[in-house]
N, C-alpha and C. Protein backbone atom coordinates (compact mmCIF):
# COMPACT_ATOMS: atom_id res chain seq x y z
N MET A 1 -0.79 35.38 41.74
CA MET A 1 -0.36 34.06 41.01
C MET A 1 -1.49 33.66 40.11
N ALA A 2 -0.88 33.14 39.09
CA ALA A 2 -1.91 32.48 37.93
C ALA A 2 -2.05 30.99 38.23
N ALA A 3 -3.35 30.94 37.80
CA ALA A 3 -3.98 29.35 38.06
C ALA A 3 -3.31 28.71 37.07
N ALA A 4 -2.88 27.31 37.63
CA ALA A 4 -2.30 26.33 36.70
C ALA A 4 -3.33 25.82 35.84
N ARG A 5 -2.96 25.83 34.54
CA ARG A 5 -3.97 25.30 33.43
C ARG A 5 -3.52 23.80 33.14
N LYS A 6 -4.54 23.11 32.90
CA LYS A 6 -4.43 21.83 32.58
C LYS A 6 -4.29 21.56 31.10
N ARG A 7 -3.31 21.08 30.43
CA ARG A 7 -3.06 20.81 28.99
C ARG A 7 -3.74 19.72 28.75
N THR A 8 -4.65 19.74 27.51
CA THR A 8 -5.20 18.75 27.15
C THR A 8 -4.67 18.42 25.68
N THR A 9 -4.69 17.35 25.26
CA THR A 9 -4.25 17.12 23.71
C THR A 9 -5.44 16.71 23.04
N ARG A 10 -5.72 17.30 22.11
CA ARG A 10 -6.81 16.93 21.07
C ARG A 10 -6.43 16.05 19.98
N LYS A 11 -7.19 15.18 19.69
CA LYS A 11 -7.09 14.36 18.49
C LYS A 11 -7.59 14.80 17.25
N LYS A 12 -6.96 14.44 16.01
CA LYS A 12 -7.15 15.03 14.87
C LYS A 12 -8.63 14.32 14.59
N LYS A 13 -9.60 15.33 13.76
CA LYS A 13 -10.76 14.66 13.41
C LYS A 13 -10.56 14.09 12.09
N THR A 14 -11.15 12.91 12.05
CA THR A 14 -11.24 12.15 10.96
C THR A 14 -12.64 11.75 10.52
N ASN A 15 -12.86 11.77 9.26
CA ASN A 15 -14.12 11.60 8.62
C ASN A 15 -14.53 10.09 8.68
N GLY A 16 -13.81 9.23 9.24
CA GLY A 16 -14.08 7.73 9.25
C GLY A 16 -13.90 7.05 7.85
N SER A 17 -13.65 7.59 7.09
CA SER A 17 -13.39 6.94 5.61
C SER A 17 -12.05 6.06 5.64
N LYS A 18 -12.12 4.91 4.93
CA LYS A 18 -11.14 4.03 4.81
C LYS A 18 -10.16 4.42 4.05
N ARG A 19 -9.01 3.96 4.02
CA ARG A 19 -7.92 4.35 3.13
C ARG A 19 -7.94 3.54 2.13
N TYR A 20 -8.22 2.24 2.19
CA TYR A 20 -8.31 1.12 1.23
C TYR A 20 -9.71 0.69 1.06
N GLY A 21 -10.09 0.53 -0.20
CA GLY A 21 -11.61 -0.09 -0.43
C GLY A 21 -11.49 -1.65 -0.24
N ASP A 22 -12.72 -1.98 -0.31
CA ASP A 22 -12.90 -3.60 -0.20
C ASP A 22 -12.32 -4.39 -1.59
N LYS A 23 -12.14 -3.68 -2.64
CA LYS A 23 -11.84 -4.32 -3.87
C LYS A 23 -10.17 -4.52 -3.60
N ALA A 24 -9.71 -3.51 -3.12
CA ALA A 24 -8.26 -3.55 -2.69
C ALA A 24 -7.93 -4.84 -1.74
N ALA A 25 -8.82 -4.93 -0.66
CA ALA A 25 -8.55 -5.87 0.24
C ALA A 25 -8.63 -7.26 -0.24
N GLU A 26 -9.65 -7.45 -1.37
CA GLU A 26 -9.92 -8.78 -2.02
C GLU A 26 -8.84 -9.13 -2.81
N LYS A 27 -8.17 -8.08 -3.48
CA LYS A 27 -7.16 -8.31 -4.52
C LYS A 27 -5.87 -8.70 -3.74
N VAL A 28 -5.59 -8.11 -2.72
CA VAL A 28 -4.37 -8.52 -1.68
C VAL A 28 -4.56 -9.89 -1.31
N GLU A 29 -5.71 -10.01 -0.71
CA GLU A 29 -5.96 -11.29 -0.09
C GLU A 29 -5.65 -12.55 -0.93
N LYS A 30 -6.28 -12.24 -2.18
CA LYS A 30 -6.20 -13.42 -3.31
C LYS A 30 -4.57 -13.33 -3.67
N ALA A 31 -3.74 -12.39 -3.48
CA ALA A 31 -2.51 -12.32 -3.91
C ALA A 31 -1.50 -12.97 -2.96
N MET A 32 -1.91 -12.89 -1.70
CA MET A 32 -1.49 -13.63 -0.63
C MET A 32 -1.55 -14.95 -0.56
N HIS A 33 -2.99 -15.55 -0.86
CA HIS A 33 -3.09 -16.96 -1.02
C HIS A 33 -2.19 -17.62 -2.12
N GLU A 34 -2.07 -16.82 -3.31
CA GLU A 34 -1.34 -17.42 -4.42
C GLU A 34 -0.19 -17.61 -4.09
N ARG A 35 0.61 -16.55 -3.29
CA ARG A 35 2.10 -16.58 -2.71
C ARG A 35 2.26 -17.93 -1.96
N LYS A 36 1.24 -18.06 -1.04
CA LYS A 36 1.42 -19.42 0.01
C LYS A 36 1.27 -20.61 -0.78
N ARG A 37 0.46 -20.63 -1.79
CA ARG A 37 0.44 -21.74 -2.60
C ARG A 37 1.61 -21.93 -3.77
N GLY A 38 2.19 -20.95 -3.80
CA GLY A 38 3.57 -20.85 -4.76
C GLY A 38 3.11 -20.56 -6.26
N THR A 39 1.87 -19.98 -6.48
CA THR A 39 1.40 -19.72 -7.86
C THR A 39 1.46 -18.45 -8.09
N LEU A 40 1.88 -17.35 -7.26
CA LEU A 40 1.92 -16.11 -7.84
C LEU A 40 3.32 -15.81 -8.55
N LYS A 41 3.10 -15.22 -9.50
CA LYS A 41 4.05 -14.84 -10.52
C LYS A 41 4.17 -13.46 -10.77
N SER A 42 5.37 -12.84 -10.76
CA SER A 42 5.65 -11.38 -11.08
C SER A 42 5.30 -11.07 -12.59
N GLY A 43 5.20 -9.83 -12.92
CA GLY A 43 4.93 -9.39 -14.03
C GLY A 43 5.49 -9.77 -15.25
N ARG A 44 6.64 -9.25 -15.57
CA ARG A 44 7.30 -9.25 -16.82
C ARG A 44 8.07 -10.66 -16.78
N SER A 45 8.94 -10.94 -15.66
CA SER A 45 9.74 -11.99 -15.80
C SER A 45 8.96 -13.36 -15.62
N GLY A 46 7.86 -13.09 -15.00
CA GLY A 46 7.04 -14.46 -14.57
C GLY A 46 7.77 -15.15 -13.43
N LYS A 47 8.53 -14.87 -12.79
CA LYS A 47 9.13 -15.54 -11.58
C LYS A 47 8.42 -15.63 -10.57
N LYS A 48 8.43 -16.78 -9.81
CA LYS A 48 7.69 -16.97 -8.49
C LYS A 48 8.04 -16.01 -7.54
N VAL A 49 6.87 -15.43 -6.94
CA VAL A 49 6.95 -14.43 -5.89
C VAL A 49 6.95 -14.94 -4.60
N THR A 50 8.11 -14.73 -3.58
CA THR A 50 8.24 -15.46 -2.24
C THR A 50 8.05 -14.51 -1.13
N SER A 51 8.14 -13.17 -1.68
CA SER A 51 8.10 -11.93 -0.67
C SER A 51 6.74 -11.59 -0.23
N ARG A 52 6.42 -11.50 1.03
CA ARG A 52 5.20 -11.05 1.61
C ARG A 52 5.09 -9.49 1.02
N LYS A 53 5.98 -8.84 0.98
CA LYS A 53 5.75 -7.24 0.66
C LYS A 53 5.37 -7.18 -0.87
N GLN A 54 6.07 -8.01 -1.80
CA GLN A 54 5.95 -7.92 -3.06
C GLN A 54 4.64 -8.50 -3.44
N ALA A 55 4.07 -9.51 -2.67
CA ALA A 55 2.63 -9.93 -2.85
C ALA A 55 1.58 -8.79 -2.55
N ILE A 56 1.88 -8.09 -1.52
CA ILE A 56 1.11 -6.95 -1.21
C ILE A 56 1.05 -5.87 -2.32
N ALA A 57 2.08 -5.64 -2.80
CA ALA A 57 2.38 -4.66 -3.96
C ALA A 57 1.60 -5.18 -5.21
N ILE A 58 1.71 -6.31 -5.60
CA ILE A 58 1.09 -6.90 -6.63
C ILE A 58 -0.56 -6.69 -6.44
N GLY A 59 -1.16 -7.18 -5.19
CA GLY A 59 -2.35 -7.22 -5.08
C GLY A 59 -2.83 -5.70 -5.21
N LEU A 60 -2.13 -4.57 -4.71
CA LEU A 60 -2.51 -3.23 -4.63
C LEU A 60 -2.60 -2.75 -6.21
N SER A 61 -1.59 -3.28 -6.90
CA SER A 61 -1.30 -2.83 -8.30
C SER A 61 -2.49 -3.38 -9.14
N GLN A 62 -3.07 -4.66 -8.71
CA GLN A 62 -4.09 -5.13 -9.48
C GLN A 62 -5.31 -4.47 -9.24
N ALA A 63 -5.63 -3.99 -7.78
CA ALA A 63 -6.80 -3.47 -7.48
C ALA A 63 -7.01 -1.87 -8.23
N ARG A 64 -5.85 -1.40 -8.27
CA ARG A 64 -5.53 0.06 -9.10
C ARG A 64 -6.26 -0.13 -10.46
N LYS A 65 -5.61 -1.09 -11.11
CA LYS A 65 -5.91 -1.47 -12.36
C LYS A 65 -7.51 -1.57 -12.58
N ALA A 66 -8.11 -2.28 -11.54
CA ALA A 66 -9.35 -2.75 -11.71
C ALA A 66 -10.48 -1.58 -11.13
N GLY A 67 -9.73 -0.53 -10.76
CA GLY A 67 -10.35 0.72 -10.47
C GLY A 67 -10.76 0.90 -9.01
N GLY A 68 -10.26 0.04 -7.86
CA GLY A 68 -10.55 0.06 -6.54
C GLY A 68 -10.08 1.13 -6.00
N LYS A 69 -10.38 1.44 -4.63
CA LYS A 69 -10.04 2.71 -4.08
C LYS A 69 -8.70 2.43 -3.24
N VAL A 70 -7.48 2.91 -3.92
CA VAL A 70 -6.22 2.61 -3.39
C VAL A 70 -5.49 4.10 -3.39
N PRO A 71 -4.62 4.42 -2.32
CA PRO A 71 -3.87 5.54 -2.43
C PRO A 71 -2.92 5.66 -3.74
N ARG A 72 -2.40 6.61 -4.28
CA ARG A 72 -1.49 6.52 -5.44
C ARG A 72 -0.22 6.06 -4.73
N ALA A 73 0.41 5.37 -5.83
CA ALA A 73 1.62 4.81 -5.42
C ALA A 73 2.97 5.83 -5.21
N PRO A 74 3.69 5.71 -4.39
CA PRO A 74 4.91 6.93 -4.09
C PRO A 74 5.59 6.97 -5.45
N ARG A 75 5.84 8.27 -5.64
CA ARG A 75 6.58 8.71 -7.04
C ARG A 75 8.17 8.20 -6.60
N ARG A 76 8.78 7.77 -7.45
CA ARG A 76 10.18 7.46 -7.31
C ARG A 76 10.97 8.53 -8.02
N LYS A 77 12.07 9.09 -7.28
CA LYS A 77 12.56 10.09 -7.87
C LYS A 77 13.91 9.47 -8.73
N SER A 78 14.09 9.87 -10.04
CA SER A 78 15.24 9.06 -10.88
C SER A 78 16.49 9.64 -10.61
N THR A 79 17.32 9.09 -10.73
CA THR A 79 18.84 9.34 -10.31
C THR A 79 19.28 9.36 -11.75
N ARG A 80 20.05 10.68 -11.77
CA ARG A 80 20.89 10.74 -13.33
C ARG A 80 22.06 10.97 -12.86
N ARG A 81 22.91 10.42 -13.65
CA ARG A 81 24.49 10.26 -13.57
C ARG A 81 25.16 11.66 -14.42
N LYS A 82 25.91 12.15 -13.79
CA LYS A 82 26.83 13.09 -14.49
C LYS A 82 27.74 12.63 -15.51
N ALA A 83 27.65 13.11 -16.69
CA ALA A 83 28.88 12.52 -17.88
C ALA A 83 29.90 13.23 -17.49
N SER A 84 30.92 12.23 -17.11
CA SER A 84 32.24 12.75 -16.89
C SER A 84 33.35 12.44 -18.08
């Protein structure tokens, strides 16, 4: 008879580094406050931003431009239509 072995799950090692830097957190926080006050405007159109997700995206974009530690934005796949 073989002895029963106890299975243990191992956690992945992490180096403890943060995904987003302090500059990114500050920019997002500022964008959220502007959204709550109703003064946050979107880029080209200049329309008022009411969406929480859009405010976060604007804050992260500003942090990227300022050189903060922010992961790359996901690449969008372009859809091409067939000529018929």
